[in-house]
C-alpha cells in the first residue's frame, strides 16, 4: 500500500508540474505560479497527513 501511495503522489506531482510548465509557455505566468504552489502543496502535505 505504501508503494501505491508513493507512485500515486509522484504521478500527480509530475502531471501537475507539467501543466504548470505548459501554462508558463503559454504566457500565463500568474496561473503557472499558482499551479507551482499547488505542486509544492502536493509534495509537502502528505508528510503531515498520509505518511
Protein backbone atom coordinates (compact mmCIF):
# COMPACT_ATOMS: atom_id res chain seq x y z
CA UNK A 1 0.00 0.00 0.00
CA UNK A 2 2.88 2.33 0.74
CA UNK A 3 4.32 1.83 -2.74
CA UNK A 4 0.95 2.63 -4.29
CA UNK A 5 0.79 5.87 -2.26
CA UNK A 6 4.25 6.97 -3.38
CA UNK A 7 3.61 6.15 -7.03
CA UNK A 8 0.27 7.97 -6.98
CA UNK A 9 1.73 11.08 -5.37
CA UNK A 10 4.68 11.07 -7.77
CA UNK A 11 2.47 10.75 -10.85
CA UNK A 12 0.11 13.52 -9.68
CA UNK A 13 3.09 15.78 -8.93
CA UNK A 14 4.69 15.21 -12.33
CA UNK A 15 1.40 15.78 -14.14
CA UNK A 16 0.70 18.99 -12.21
CA UNK A 17 4.23 20.29 -12.77
CA UNK A 18 3.88 19.59 -16.49
CA UNK A 19 0.66 21.56 -16.54
CA UNK A 20 2.46 24.48 -14.85
CA UNK A 21 5.19 24.37 -17.49
CA UNK A 22 2.62 24.40 -20.28
CA UNK A 23 0.91 27.41 -18.69
CA UNK A 24 4.27 29.18 -18.42
CA UNK A 25 4.98 28.57 -22.10
CA UNK A 26 1.52 29.87 -22.94
CA UNK A 27 2.38 33.24 -21.39
CA UNK A 28 0.10 32.74 -18.38
CA UNK A 29 2.72 33.39 -15.72
CA UNK A 30 0.40 34.08 -12.76
CA UNK A 31 -1.52 30.88 -13.37
CA UNK A 32 1.72 28.94 -13.67
CA UNK A 33 2.93 30.31 -10.33
CA UNK A 34 -0.37 29.28 -8.70
CA UNK A 35 -0.10 25.76 -10.11
CA UNK A 36 3.54 25.53 -8.95
CA UNK A 37 2.36 26.46 -5.46
CA UNK A 38 -0.23 23.70 -5.74
CA UNK A 39 2.53 21.30 -6.78
CA UNK A 40 4.54 22.23 -3.69
CA UNK A 41 1.48 21.60 -1.54
CA UNK A 42 1.06 18.19 -3.15
CA UNK A 43 4.67 17.39 -2.23
CA UNK A 44 4.61 18.73 1.35
CA UNK A 45 1.12 17.98 2.73
CA UNK A 46 1.27 14.15 2.64
CA UNK A 47 4.06 14.25 5.20
CA UNK A 48 1.56 15.72 7.67
CA UNK A 49 -1.40 13.51 6.81
CA UNK A 50 -0.74 10.25 4.97
CA UNK A 51 2.85 9.45 5.82
